[in-house]
Amino acid sequence: QVQLVESGGGLVQAGGSLRLTCAASGSIFSYNVMGWYRQAPGRQRELVAGISSGGTKNYADFVKDRFTISRDNANNTVYLQMNSLKPEDTAVYYCKLDILRRGTYWGQGTQVTVSS
């Protein structure tokens, strides 16, 4: 059984920074992609950034040059460093894990609130 536990959300002023962490537990031996999604009230969940177990990264256009995704494969952990935060970044941020030939797993989410 794979479980994802997120941490690092909170309240920050515009221009500030936060670092989100997602730790995956369980047997993860296959190629996989870990990523961060977010969902603001009244809006659909959207991709923020993703990183494969091979290190390939992708970012949504709205976070390029502000957010950085990284991972520690030995510990099945993914990080999202968020800088220059804006009020429109306010959302619940979810960690997602896609494991090849096994399935997709989601964390419970962590709230990020950016005040103006």
PDB file of N, CA and C in Angstrom:
ATOM      1  N   GLN A   1       0.843  -1.192   0.000  1.00  0.00           N
ATOM      2  CA  GLN A   1       0.000   0.000   0.000  1.00  0.00           C
ATOM      3  C   GLN A   1       0.878   1.241   0.000  1.00  0.00           C
ATOM      4  N   VAL A   2       0.625   2.125  -0.945  1.00  0.00           N
ATOM      5  CA  VAL A   2       1.394   3.362  -1.050  1.00  0.00           C
ATOM      6  C   VAL A   2       0.622   4.497  -0.384  1.00  0.00           C
ATOM      7  N   GLN A   3       1.309   5.252   0.415  1.00  0.00           N
ATOM      8  CA  GLN A   3       0.702   6.427   1.051  1.00  0.00           C
ATOM      9  C   GLN A   3       1.589   7.640   0.816  1.00  0.00           C
ATOM     10  N   LEU A   4       0.952   8.797   0.665  1.00  0.00           N
ATOM     11  CA  LEU A   4       1.656  10.056   0.473  1.00  0.00           C
ATOM     12  C   LEU A   4       1.304  11.001   1.616  1.00  0.00           C
ATOM     13  N   VAL A   5       2.321  11.600   2.199  1.00  0.00           N
ATOM     14  CA  VAL A   5       2.112  12.542   3.294  1.00  0.00           C
ATOM     15  C   VAL A   5       2.775  13.863   2.925  1.00  0.00           C
ATOM     16  N   GLU A   6       1.957  14.905   2.847  1.00  0.00           N
ATOM     17  CA  GLU A   6       2.451  16.231   2.488  1.00  0.00           C
ATOM     18  C   GLU A   6       2.658  17.077   3.741  1.00  0.00           C
ATOM     19  N   SER A   7       3.570  18.013   3.643  1.00  0.00           N
ATOM     20  CA  SER A   7       3.785  18.972   4.724  1.00  0.00           C
ATOM     21  C   SER A   7       4.390  20.241   4.140  1.00  0.00           C
ATOM     22  N   GLY A   8       4.353  21.314   4.943  1.00  0.00           N
ATOM     23  CA  GLY A   8       5.027  22.538   4.534  1.00  0.00           C
ATOM     24  C   GLY A   8       4.115  23.673   4.121  1.00  0.00           C
ATOM     25  N   GLY A   9       2.822  23.430   4.041  1.00  0.00           N
ATOM     26  CA  GLY A   9       1.930  24.513   3.681  1.00  0.00           C
ATOM     27  C   GLY A   9       1.794  25.512   4.819  1.00  0.00           C
ATOM     28  N   GLY A  10       1.095  26.612   4.536  1.00  0.00           N
ATOM     29  CA  GLY A  10       0.888  27.609   5.566  1.00  0.00           C
ATOM     30  C   GLY A  10       0.494  28.939   4.995  1.00  0.00           C
ATOM     31  N   LEU A  11       0.589  29.955   5.831  1.00  0.00           N
ATOM     32  CA  LEU A  11       0.234  31.327   5.457  1.00  0.00           C
ATOM     33  C   LEU A  11       1.514  32.134   5.270  1.00  0.00           C
ATOM     34  N   VAL A  12       1.593  32.837   4.156  1.00  0.00           N
ATOM     35  CA  VAL A  12       2.780  33.634   3.869  1.00  0.00           C
ATOM     36  C   VAL A  12       2.349  34.907   3.154  1.00  0.00           C
ATOM     37  N   GLN A  13       3.122  35.949   3.307  1.00  0.00           N
ATOM     38  CA  GLN A  13       2.821  37.197   2.606  1.00  0.00           C
ATOM     39  C   GLN A  13       3.294  37.116   1.157  1.00  0.00           C
ATOM     40  N   ALA A  14       2.676  37.906   0.319  1.00  0.00           N
ATOM     41  CA  ALA A  14       3.081  37.974  -1.078  1.00  0.00           C
ATOM     42  C   ALA A  14       4.570  38.297  -1.167  1.00  0.00           C
ATOM     43  N   GLY A  15       5.246  37.586  -2.061  1.00  0.00           N
ATOM     44  CA  GLY A  15       6.684  37.746  -2.205  1.00  0.00           C
ATOM     45  C   GLY A  15       7.491  36.774  -1.365  1.00  0.00           C
ATOM     46  N   GLY A  16       6.824  36.090  -0.460  1.00  0.00           N
ATOM     47  CA  GLY A  16       7.494  35.155   0.418  1.00  0.00           C
ATOM     48  C   GLY A  16       7.709  33.788  -0.214  1.00  0.00           C
ATOM     49  N   SER A  17       8.210  32.860   0.605  1.00  0.00           N
ATOM     50  CA  SER A  17       8.556  31.525   0.123  1.00  0.00           C
ATOM     51  C   SER A  17       8.007  30.452   1.057  1.00  0.00           C
ATOM     52  N   LEU A  18       7.748  29.304   0.475  1.00  0.00           N
ATOM     53  CA  LEU A  18       7.386  28.104   1.224  1.00  0.00           C
ATOM     54  C   LEU A  18       8.021  26.909   0.530  1.00  0.00           C
ATOM     55  N   ARG A  19       8.256  25.866   1.302  1.00  0.00           N
ATOM     56  CA  ARG A  19       8.767  24.620   0.738  1.00  0.00           C
ATOM     57  C   ARG A  19       7.832  23.488   1.126  1.00  0.00           C
ATOM     58  N   LEU A  20       7.256  22.851   0.134  1.00  0.00           N
ATOM     59  CA  LEU A  20       6.376  21.712   0.364  1.00  0.00           C
ATOM     60  C   LEU A  20       7.172  20.417   0.245  1.00  0.00           C
ATOM     61  N   THR A  21       6.800  19.460   1.078  1.00  0.00           N
ATOM     62  CA  THR A  21       7.433  18.150   1.060  1.00  0.00           C
ATOM     63  C   THR A  21       6.361  17.077   0.952  1.00  0.00           C
ATOM     64  N   CYS A  22       6.638  16.058   0.161  1.00  0.00           N
ATOM     65  CA  CYS A  22       5.742  14.916   0.040  1.00  0.00           C
ATOM     66  C   CYS A  22       6.576  13.650   0.158  1.00  0.00           C
ATOM     67  N   ALA A  23       6.267  12.862   1.167  1.00  0.00           N
ATOM     68  CA  ALA A  23       6.982  11.611   1.380  1.00  0.00           C
ATOM     69  C   ALA A  23       6.068  10.448   1.045  1.00  0.00           C
ATOM     70  N   ALA A  24       6.565   9.558   0.203  1.00  0.00           N
ATOM     71  CA  ALA A  24       5.808   8.369  -0.193  1.00  0.00           C
ATOM     72  C   ALA A  24       6.326   7.162   0.565  1.00  0.00           C
ATOM     73  N   SER A  25       5.407   6.392   1.122  1.00  0.00           N
ATOM     74  CA  SER A  25       5.782   5.171   1.814  1.00  0.00           C
ATOM     75  C   SER A  25       5.204   3.979   1.073  1.00  0.00           C
ATOM     76  N   GLY A  26       5.824   2.828   1.244  1.00  0.00           N
ATOM     77  CA  GLY A  26       5.383   1.638   0.535  1.00  0.00           C
ATOM     78  C   GLY A  26       6.406   1.210  -0.495  1.00  0.00           C
ATOM     79  N   SER A  27       6.070   0.180  -1.236  1.00  0.00           N
ATOM     80  CA  SER A  27       6.994  -0.387  -2.214  1.00  0.00           C
ATOM     81  C   SER A  27       6.881   0.356  -3.539  1.00  0.00           C
ATOM     82  N   ILE A  28       7.935   1.103  -3.857  1.00  0.00           N
ATOM     83  CA  ILE A  28       7.957   1.862  -5.109  1.00  0.00           C
ATOM     84  C   ILE A  28       9.254   1.515  -5.827  1.00  0.00           C
ATOM     85  N   PHE A  29       9.184   0.552  -6.719  1.00  0.00           N
ATOM     86  CA  PHE A  29      10.403   0.120  -7.384  1.00  0.00           C
ATOM     87  C   PHE A  29      10.396   0.405  -8.873  1.00  0.00           C
ATOM     88  N   SER A  30       9.242   0.761  -9.398  1.00  0.00           N
ATOM     89  CA  SER A  30       9.126   0.968 -10.837  1.00  0.00           C
ATOM     90  C   SER A  30       9.358   2.428 -11.191  1.00  0.00           C
ATOM     91  N   TYR A  31       9.491   2.640 -12.517  1.00  0.00           N
ATOM     92  CA  TYR A  31       9.546   4.020 -13.001  1.00  0.00           C
ATOM     93  C   TYR A  31       8.309   4.755 -12.502  1.00  0.00           C
ATOM     94  N   ASN A  32       8.495   5.977 -12.027  1.00  0.00           N
ATOM     95  CA  ASN A  32       7.361   6.718 -11.518  1.00  0.00           C
ATOM     96  C   ASN A  32       7.555   8.213 -11.721  1.00  0.00           C
ATOM     97  N   VAL A  33       6.465   8.912 -11.612  1.00  0.00           N
ATOM     98  CA  VAL A  33       6.482  10.372 -11.697  1.00  0.00           C
ATOM     99  C   VAL A  33       5.805  10.920 -10.458  1.00  0.00           C
ATOM    100  N   MET A  34       6.469  11.828  -9.789  1.00  0.00           N
ATOM    101  CA  MET A  34       5.872  12.519  -8.643  1.00  0.00           C
ATOM    102  C   MET A  34       5.612  13.960  -9.047  1.00  0.00           C
ATOM    103  N   GLY A  35       4.500  14.474  -8.566  1.00  0.00           N
ATOM    104  CA  GLY A  35       4.171  15.834  -8.968  1.00  0.00           C
ATOM    105  C   GLY A  35       3.317  16.547  -7.954  1.00  0.00           C
ATOM    106  N   TRP A  36       3.175  17.830  -8.201  1.00  0.00           N
ATOM    107  CA  TRP A  36       2.333  18.677  -7.371  1.00  0.00           C
ATOM    108  C   TRP A  36       1.220  19.274  -8.232  1.00  0.00           C
ATOM    109  N   TYR A  37       0.028  19.209  -7.703  1.00  0.00           N
ATOM    110  CA  TYR A  37      -1.133  19.835  -8.316  1.00  0.00           C
ATOM    111  C   TYR A  37      -1.719  20.803  -7.295  1.00  0.00           C
ATOM    112  N   ARG A  38      -2.554  21.694  -7.767  1.00  0.00           N
ATOM    113  CA  ARG A  38      -3.220  22.588  -6.837  1.00  0.00           C
ATOM    114  C   ARG A  38      -4.659  22.810  -7.258  1.00  0.00           C
ATOM    115  N   GLN A  39      -5.480  23.147  -6.274  1.00  0.00           N
ATOM    116  CA  GLN A  39      -6.887  23.417  -6.544  1.00  0.00           C
ATOM    117  C   GLN A  39      -7.343  24.581  -5.678  1.00  0.00           C
ATOM    118  N   ALA A  40      -7.734  25.649  -6.343  1.00  0.00           N
ATOM    119  CA  ALA A  40      -8.274  26.818  -5.664  1.00  0.00           C
ATOM    120  C   ALA A  40      -9.791  26.689  -5.611  1.00  0.00           C
ATOM    121  N   PRO A  41     -10.443  27.381  -4.678  1.00  0.00           N
ATOM    122  CA  PRO A  41     -11.906  27.290  -4.563  1.00  0.00           C
ATOM    123  C   PRO A  41     -12.587  27.645  -5.887  1.00  0.00           C
ATOM    124  N   GLY A  42     -13.491  26.776  -6.306  1.00  0.00           N
ATOM    125  CA  GLY A  42     -14.244  27.028  -7.526  1.00  0.00           C
ATOM    126  C   GLY A  42     -13.501  26.750  -8.809  1.00  0.00           C
ATOM    127  N   ARG A  43     -12.299  26.209  -8.701  1.00  0.00           N
ATOM    128  CA  ARG A  43     -11.499  25.948  -9.900  1.00  0.00           C
ATOM    129  C   ARG A  43     -11.118  24.476  -9.964  1.00  0.00           C
ATOM    130  N   GLN A  44     -10.756  24.037 -11.151  1.00  0.00           N
ATOM    131  CA  GLN A  44     -10.324  22.657 -11.320  1.00  0.00           C
ATOM    132  C   GLN A  44      -8.907  22.458 -10.806  1.00  0.00           C
ATOM    133  N   ARG A  45      -8.612  21.239 -10.456  1.00  0.00           N
ATOM    134  CA  ARG A  45      -7.256  20.905 -10.045  1.00  0.00           C
ATOM    135  C   ARG A  45      -6.337  21.027 -11.254  1.00  0.00           C
ATOM    136  N   GLU A  46      -5.162  21.625 -11.036  1.00  0.00           N
ATOM    137  CA  GLU A  46      -4.243  21.842 -12.145  1.00  0.00           C
ATOM    138  C   GLU A  46      -2.823  21.430 -11.786  1.00  0.00           C
ATOM    139  N   LEU A  47      -2.085  21.032 -12.796  1.00  0.00           N
ATOM    140  CA  LEU A  47      -0.690  20.651 -12.601  1.00  0.00           C
ATOM    141  C   LEU A  47       0.148  21.875 -12.267  1.00  0.00           C
ATOM    142  N   VAL A  48       1.017  21.718 -11.279  1.00  0.00           N
ATOM    143  CA  VAL A  48       1.989  22.752 -10.948  1.00  0.00           C
ATOM    144  C   VAL A  48       3.371  22.360 -11.492  1.00  0.00           C
ATOM    145  N   ALA A  49       3.813  21.159 -11.115  1.00  0.00           N
ATOM    146  CA  ALA A  49       5.120  20.681 -11.569  1.00  0.00           C
ATOM    147  C   ALA A  49       5.197  19.182 -11.365  1.00  0.00           C
ATOM    148  N   GLY A  50       6.032  18.532 -12.173  1.00  0.00           N
ATOM    149  CA  GLY A  50       6.228  17.104 -12.031  1.00  0.00           C
ATOM    150  C   GLY A  50       7.684  16.741 -12.261  1.00  0.00           C
ATOM    151  N   ILE A  51       8.093  15.594 -11.712  1.00  0.00           N
ATOM    152  CA  ILE A  51       9.458  15.119 -11.893  1.00  0.00           C
ATOM    153  C   ILE A  51       9.448  13.598 -11.909  1.00  0.00           C
ATOM    154  N   SER A  52      10.120  13.030 -12.904  1.00  0.00           N
ATOM    155  CA  SER A  52      10.162  11.582 -13.015  1.00  0.00           C
ATOM    156  C   SER A  52      11.281  11.008 -12.146  1.00  0.00           C
ATOM    157  N   SER A  53      11.246   9.696 -11.963  1.00  0.00           N
ATOM    158  CA  SER A  53      12.309   9.049 -11.204  1.00  0.00           C
ATOM    159  C   SER A  53      13.647   9.165 -11.935  1.00  0.00           C
ATOM    160  N   GLY A  54      13.595   9.475 -13.232  1.00  0.00           N
ATOM    161  CA  GLY A  54      14.822   9.704 -13.981  1.00  0.00           C
ATOM    162  C   GLY A  54      15.298  11.132 -13.939  1.00  0.00           C
ATOM    163  N   GLY A  55      14.492  12.015 -13.329  1.00  0.00           N
ATOM    164  CA  GLY A  55      14.912  13.403 -13.146  1.00  0.00           C
ATOM    165  C   GLY A  55      14.332  14.395 -14.133  1.00  0.00           C
ATOM    166  N   THR A  56      13.532  13.939 -15.071  1.00  0.00           N
ATOM    167  CA  THR A  56      12.913  14.861 -16.024  1.00  0.00           C
ATOM    168  C   THR A  56      11.848  15.691 -15.319  1.00  0.00           C
ATOM    169  N   LYS A  57      11.900  17.015 -15.537  1.00  0.00           N
ATOM    170  CA  LYS A  57      10.981  17.924 -14.868  1.00  0.00           C
ATOM    171  C   LYS A  57      10.080  18.622 -15.878  1.00  0.00           C
ATOM    172  N   ASN A  58       8.901  18.977 -15.410  1.00  0.00           N
ATOM    173  CA  ASN A  58       8.035  19.855 -16.200  1.00  0.00           C
ATOM    174  C   ASN A  58       7.290  20.781 -15.258  1.00  0.00           C
ATOM    175  N   TYR A  59       7.015  21.970 -15.769  1.00  0.00           N
ATOM    176  CA  TYR A  59       6.375  23.006 -14.962  1.00  0.00           C
ATOM    177  C   TYR A  59       5.215  23.623 -15.724  1.00  0.00           C
ATOM    178  N   ALA A  60       4.212  24.049 -14.971  1.00  0.00           N
ATOM    179  CA  ALA A  60       3.171  24.877 -15.562  1.00  0.00           C
ATOM    180  C   ALA A  60       3.765  26.247 -15.868  1.00  0.00           C
ATOM    181  N   ASP A  61       3.271  26.871 -16.910  1.00  0.00           N
ATOM    182  CA  ASP A  61       3.820  28.175 -17.298  1.00  0.00           C
ATOM    183  C   ASP A  61       3.716  29.201 -16.183  1.00  0.00           C
ATOM    184  N   PHE A  62       2.668  29.120 -15.380  1.00  0.00           N
ATOM    185  CA  PHE A  62       2.446  30.161 -14.372  1.00  0.00           C
ATOM    186  C   PHE A  62       3.416  30.077 -13.195  1.00  0.00           C
ATOM    187  N   VAL A  63       4.234  29.022 -13.107  1.00  0.00           N
ATOM    188  CA  VAL A  63       5.176  28.926 -11.990  1.00  0.00           C
ATOM    189  C   VAL A  63       6.636  28.891 -12.438  1.00  0.00           C
ATOM    190  N   LYS A  64       6.861  28.934 -13.736  1.00  0.00           N
ATOM    191  CA  LYS A  64       8.242  28.896 -14.221  1.00  0.00           C
ATOM    192  C   LYS A  64       9.028  30.072 -13.652  1.00  0.00           C
ATOM    193  N   ASP A  65      10.265  29.772 -13.257  1.00  0.00           N
ATOM    194  CA  ASP A  65      11.189  30.760 -12.693  1.00  0.00           C
ATOM    195  C   ASP A  65      10.824  31.174 -11.270  1.00  0.00           C
ATOM    196  N   ARG A  66       9.745  30.629 -10.725  1.00  0.00           N
ATOM    197  CA  ARG A  66       9.399  30.925  -9.326  1.00  0.00           C
ATOM    198  C   ARG A  66       9.446  29.667  -8.469  1.00  0.00           C
ATOM    199  N   PHE A  67       8.999  28.549  -9.016  1.00  0.00           N
ATOM    200  CA  PHE A  67       8.938  27.297  -8.267  1.00  0.00           C
ATOM    201  C   PHE A  67       9.984  26.323  -8.812  1.00  0.00           C
ATOM    202  N   THR A  68      10.503  25.493  -7.908  1.00  0.00           N
ATOM    203  CA  THR A  68      11.462  24.466  -8.297  1.00  0.00           C
ATOM    204  C   THR A  68      11.069  23.135  -7.671  1.00  0.00           C
ATOM    205  N   ILE A  69      10.962  22.119  -8.505  1.00  0.00           N
ATOM    206  CA  ILE A  69      10.652  20.787  -8.003  1.00  0.00           C
ATOM    207  C   ILE A  69      11.929  19.958  -7.968  1.00  0.00           C
ATOM    208  N   SER A  70      12.050  19.137  -6.932  1.00  0.00           N
ATOM    209  CA  SER A  70      13.203  18.247  -6.809  1.00  0.00           C
ATOM    210  C   SER A  70      12.754  16.989  -6.073  1.00  0.00           C
ATOM    211  N   ARG A  71      13.608  15.978  -6.090  1.00  0.00           N
ATOM    212  CA  ARG A  71      13.234  14.739  -5.414  1.00  0.00           C
ATOM    213  C   ARG A  71      14.450  14.020  -4.876  1.00  0.00           C
ATOM    214  N   ASP A  72      14.192  13.202  -3.883  1.00  0.00           N
ATOM    215  CA  ASP A  72      15.188  12.326  -3.273  1.00  0.00           C
ATOM    216  C   ASP A  72      14.694  10.904  -3.512  1.00  0.00           C
ATOM    217  N   ASN A  73      15.260  10.247  -4.501  1.00  0.00           N
ATOM    218  CA  ASN A  73      14.774   8.918  -4.868  1.00  0.00           C
ATOM    219  C   ASN A  73      15.015   7.886  -3.766  1.00  0.00           C
ATOM    220  N   ALA A  74      16.096   8.045  -3.041  1.00  0.00           N
ATOM    221  CA  ALA A  74      16.403   7.071  -1.989  1.00  0.00           C
ATOM    222  C   ALA A  74      15.322   7.056  -0.918  1.00  0.00           C
ATOM    223  N   ASN A  75      14.690   8.213  -0.714  1.00  0.00           N
ATOM    224  CA  ASN A  75      13.667   8.324   0.325  1.00  0.00           C
ATOM    225  C   ASN A  75      12.264   8.541  -0.236  1.00  0.00           C
ATOM    226  N   ASN A  76      12.121   8.415  -1.560  1.00  0.00           N
ATOM    227  CA  ASN A  76      10.803   8.578  -2.204  1.00  0.00           C
ATOM    228  C   ASN A  76      10.119   9.865  -1.760  1.00  0.00           C
ATOM    229  N   THR A  77      10.877  10.936  -1.798  1.00  0.00           N
ATOM    230  CA  THR A  77      10.368  12.234  -1.348  1.00  0.00           C
ATOM    231  C   THR A  77      10.514  13.261  -2.464  1.00  0.00           C
ATOM    232  N   VAL A  78       9.485  14.079  -2.601  1.00  0.00           N
ATOM    233  CA  VAL A  78       9.522  15.156  -3.586  1.00  0.00           C
ATOM    234  C   VAL A  78       9.308  16.484  -2.870  1.00  0.00           C
ATOM    235  N   TYR A  79       9.979  17.509  -3.365  1.00  0.00           N
ATOM    236  CA  TYR A  79       9.918  18.827  -2.766  1.00  0.00           C
ATOM    237  C   TYR A  79       9.434  19.840  -3.807  1.00  0.00           C
ATOM    238  N   LEU A  80       8.792  20.868  -3.312  1.00  0.00           N
ATOM    239  CA  LEU A  80       8.428  21.991  -4.168  1.00  0.00           C
ATOM    240  C   LEU A  80       8.838  23.275  -3.447  1.00  0.00           C
ATOM    241  N   GLN A  81       9.873  23.891  -3.946  1.00  0.00           N
ATOM    242  CA  GLN A  81      10.309  25.181  -3.412  1.00  0.00           C
ATOM    243  C   GLN A  81       9.560  26.279  -4.141  1.00  0.00           C
ATOM    244  N   MET A  82       8.804  27.062  -3.400  1.00  0.00           N
ATOM    245  CA  MET A  82       7.974  28.108  -3.994  1.00  0.00           C
ATOM    246  C   MET A  82       8.486  29.470  -3.539  1.00  0.00           C
ATOM    247  N   ASN A  83       8.956  30.258  -4.483  1.00  0.00           N
ATOM    248  CA  ASN A  83       9.450  31.598  -4.206  1.00  0.00           C
ATOM    249  C   ASN A  83       8.566  32.636  -4.892  1.00  0.00           C
ATOM    250  N   SER A  84       8.708  33.867  -4.466  1.00  0.00           N
ATOM    251  CA  SER A  84       7.945  34.973  -5.066  1.00  0.00           C
ATOM    252  C   SER A  84       6.458  34.642  -5.137  1.00  0.00           C
ATOM    253  N   LEU A  85       5.928  34.163  -4.046  1.00  0.00           N
ATOM    254  CA  LEU A  85       4.537  33.738  -4.029  1.00  0.00           C
ATOM    255  C   LEU A  85       3.592  34.920  -4.233  1.00  0.00           C
ATOM    256  N   LYS A  86       2.491  34.623  -4.918  1.00  0.00           N
ATOM    257  CA  LYS A  86       1.475  35.624  -5.229  1.00  0.00           C
ATOM    258  C   LYS A  86       0.148  35.198  -4.608  1.00  0.00           C
ATOM    259  N   PRO A  87      -0.734  36.144  -4.365  1.00  0.00           N
ATOM    260  CA  PRO A  87      -2.054  35.765  -3.817  1.00  0.00           C
ATOM    261  C   PRO A  87      -2.770  34.722  -4.688  1.00  0.00           C
ATOM    262  N   GLU A  88      -2.567  34.777  -5.992  1.00  0.00           N
ATOM    263  CA  GLU A  88      -3.232  33.808  -6.867  1.00  0.00           C
ATOM    264  C   GLU A  88      -2.640  32.400  -6.759  1.00  0.00           C
ATOM    265  N   ASP A  89      -1.568  32.244  -6.012  1.00  0.00           N
ATOM    266  CA  ASP A  89      -1.035  30.908  -5.735  1.00  0.00           C
ATOM    267  C   ASP A  89      -1.773  30.227  -4.587  1.00  0.00           C
ATOM    268  N   THR A  90      -2.668  30.951  -3.938  1.00  0.00           N
ATOM    269  CA  THR A  90      -3.454  30.379  -2.853  1.00  0.00           C
ATOM    270  C   THR A  90      -4.291  29.216  -3.346  1.00  0.00           C
ATOM    271  N   ALA A  91      -4.128  28.066  -2.704  1.00  0.00           N
ATOM    272  CA  ALA A  91      -4.830  26.849  -3.112  1.00  0.00           C
ATOM    273  C   ALA A  91      -4.470  25.727  -2.149  1.00  0.00           C
ATOM    274  N   VAL A  92      -5.173  24.619  -2.295  1.00  0.00           N
ATOM    275  CA  VAL A  92      -4.739  23.388  -1.653  1.00  0.00           C
ATOM    276  C   VAL A  92      -3.798  22.688  -2.633  1.00  0.00           C
ATOM    277  N   TYR A  93      -2.625  22.346  -2.161  1.00  0.00           N
ATOM    278  CA  TYR A  93      -1.620  21.702  -2.994  1.00  0.00           C
ATOM    279  C   TYR A  93      -1.596  20.207  -2.688  1.00  0.00           C
ATOM    280  N   TYR A  94      -1.694  19.421  -3.746  1.00  0.00           N
ATOM    281  CA  TYR A  94      -1.751  17.970  -3.625  1.00  0.00           C
ATOM    282  C   TYR A  94      -0.526  17.329  -4.264  1.00  0.00           C
ATOM    283  N   CYS A  95      -0.024  16.312  -3.609  1.00  0.00           N
ATOM    284  CA  CYS A  95       1.047  15.500  -4.158  1.00  0.00           C
ATOM    285  C   CYS A  95       0.430  14.319  -4.905  1.00  0.00           C
ATOM    286  N   LYS A  96       1.005  13.996  -6.040  1.00  0.00           N
ATOM    287  CA  LYS A  96       0.527  12.878  -6.857  1.00  0.00           C
ATOM    288  C   LYS A  96       1.698  11.986  -7.236  1.00  0.00           C
ATOM    289  N   LEU A  97       1.449  10.699  -7.193  1.00  0.00           N
ATOM    290  CA  LEU A  97       2.458   9.715  -7.575  1.00  0.00           C
ATOM    291  C   LEU A  97       1.865   8.772  -8.617  1.00  0.00           C
ATOM    292  N   ASP A  98       2.485   8.721  -9.772  1.00  0.00           N
ATOM    293  CA  ASP A  98       2.099   7.775 -10.823  1.00  0.00           C
ATOM    294  C   ASP A  98       3.184   6.715 -10.917  1.00  0.00           C
ATOM    295  N   ILE A  99       2.806   5.466 -10.682  1.00  0.00           N
ATOM    296  CA  ILE A  99       3.759   4.365 -10.763  1.00  0.00           C
ATOM    297  C   ILE A  99       3.444   3.534 -11.998  1.00  0.00           C
ATOM    298  N   LEU A 100       4.430   3.345 -12.836  1.00  0.00           N
ATOM    299  CA  LEU A 100       4.246   2.601 -14.074  1.00  0.00           C
ATOM    300  C   LEU A 100       3.671   1.226 -13.794  1.00  0.00           C
ATOM    301  N   ARG A 101       2.575   0.926 -14.493  1.00  0.00           N
ATOM    302  CA  ARG A 101       1.879  -0.368 -14.426  1.00  0.00           C
ATOM    303  C   ARG A 101       1.267  -0.673 -13.058  1.00  0.00           C
ATOM    304  N   ARG A 102       1.188   0.354 -12.196  1.00  0.00           N
ATOM    305  CA  ARG A 102       0.566   0.110 -10.885  1.00  0.00           C
ATOM    306  C   ARG A 102      -0.587   1.036 -10.593  1.00  0.00           C
ATOM    307  N   GLY A 103      -0.431   2.299 -10.877  1.00  0.00           N
ATOM    308  CA  GLY A 103      -1.547   3.186 -10.610  1.00  0.00           C
ATOM    309  C   GLY A 103      -1.135   4.561 -10.148  1.00  0.00           C
ATOM    310  N   THR A 104      -2.136   5.315  -9.749  1.00  0.00           N
ATOM    311  CA  THR A 104      -1.973   6.709  -9.336  1.00  0.00           C
ATOM    312  C   THR A 104      -2.407   6.871  -7.891  1.00  0.00           C
ATOM    313  N   TYR A 105      -1.619   7.637  -7.149  1.00  0.00           N
ATOM    314  CA  TYR A 105      -1.901   7.864  -5.735  1.00  0.00           C
ATOM    315  C   TYR A 105      -1.864   9.360  -5.448  1.00  0.00           C
ATOM    316  N   TRP A 106      -2.737   9.786  -4.539  1.00  0.00           N
ATOM    317  CA  TRP A 106      -2.821  11.195  -4.162  1.00  0.00           C
ATOM    318  C   TRP A 106      -2.629  11.362  -2.671  1.00  0.00           C
ATOM    319  N   GLY A 107      -2.005  12.479  -2.304  1.00  0.00           N
ATOM    320  CA  GLY A 107      -1.966  12.862  -0.911  1.00  0.00           C
ATOM    321  C   GLY A 107      -3.244  13.571  -0.520  1.00  0.00           C
ATOM    322  N   GLN A 108      -3.358  13.925   0.738  1.00  0.00           N
ATOM    323  CA  GLN A 108      -4.577  14.555   1.237  1.00  0.00           C
ATOM    324  C   GLN A 108      -4.590  16.055   1.014  1.00  0.00           C
ATOM    325  N   GLY A 109      -3.459  16.629   0.677  1.00  0.00           N
ATOM    326  CA  GLY A 109      -3.401  18.052   0.372  1.00  0.00           C
ATOM    327  C   GLY A 109      -2.900  18.888   1.538  1.00  0.00           C
ATOM    328  N   THR A 110      -2.296  20.004   1.197  1.00  0.00           N
ATOM    329  CA  THR A 110      -1.834  20.960   2.198  1.00  0.00           C
ATOM    330  C   THR A 110      -2.192  22.364   1.727  1.00  0.00           C
ATOM    331  N   GLN A 111      -2.728  23.164   2.629  1.00  0.00           N
ATOM    332  CA  GLN A 111      -3.212  24.492   2.270  1.00  0.00           C
ATOM    333  C   GLN A 111      -2.059  25.488   2.190  1.00  0.00           C
ATOM    334  N   VAL A 112      -2.038  26.235   1.107  1.00  0.00           N
ATOM    335  CA  VAL A 112      -1.116  27.351   0.952  1.00  0.00           C
ATOM    336  C   VAL A 112      -1.951  28.616   0.779  1.00  0.00           C
ATOM    337  N   THR A 113      -1.719  29.577   1.645  1.00  0.00           N
ATOM    338  CA  THR A 113      -2.446  30.843   1.585  1.00  0.00           C
ATOM    339  C   THR A 113      -1.441  31.976   1.484  1.00  0.00           C
ATOM    340  N   VAL A 114      -1.589  32.795   0.466  1.00  0.00           N
ATOM    341  CA  VAL A 114      -0.693  33.931   0.251  1.00  0.00           C
ATOM    342  C   VAL A 114      -1.509  35.204   0.413  1.00  0.00           C
ATOM    343  N   SER A 115      -1.127  35.997   1.398  1.00  0.00           N
ATOM    344  CA  SER A 115      -1.850  37.245   1.661  1.00  0.00           C
ATOM    345  C   SER A 115      -1.204  38.398   0.891  1.00  0.00           C
ATOM    346  N   SER A 116      -2.047  39.356   0.528  1.00  0.00           N
ATOM    347  CA  SER A 116      -1.551  40.497  -0.260  1.00  0.00           C
ATOM    348  C   SER A 116      -1.090  41.633   0.629  1.00  0.00           C
TER     349      SER A 116
END
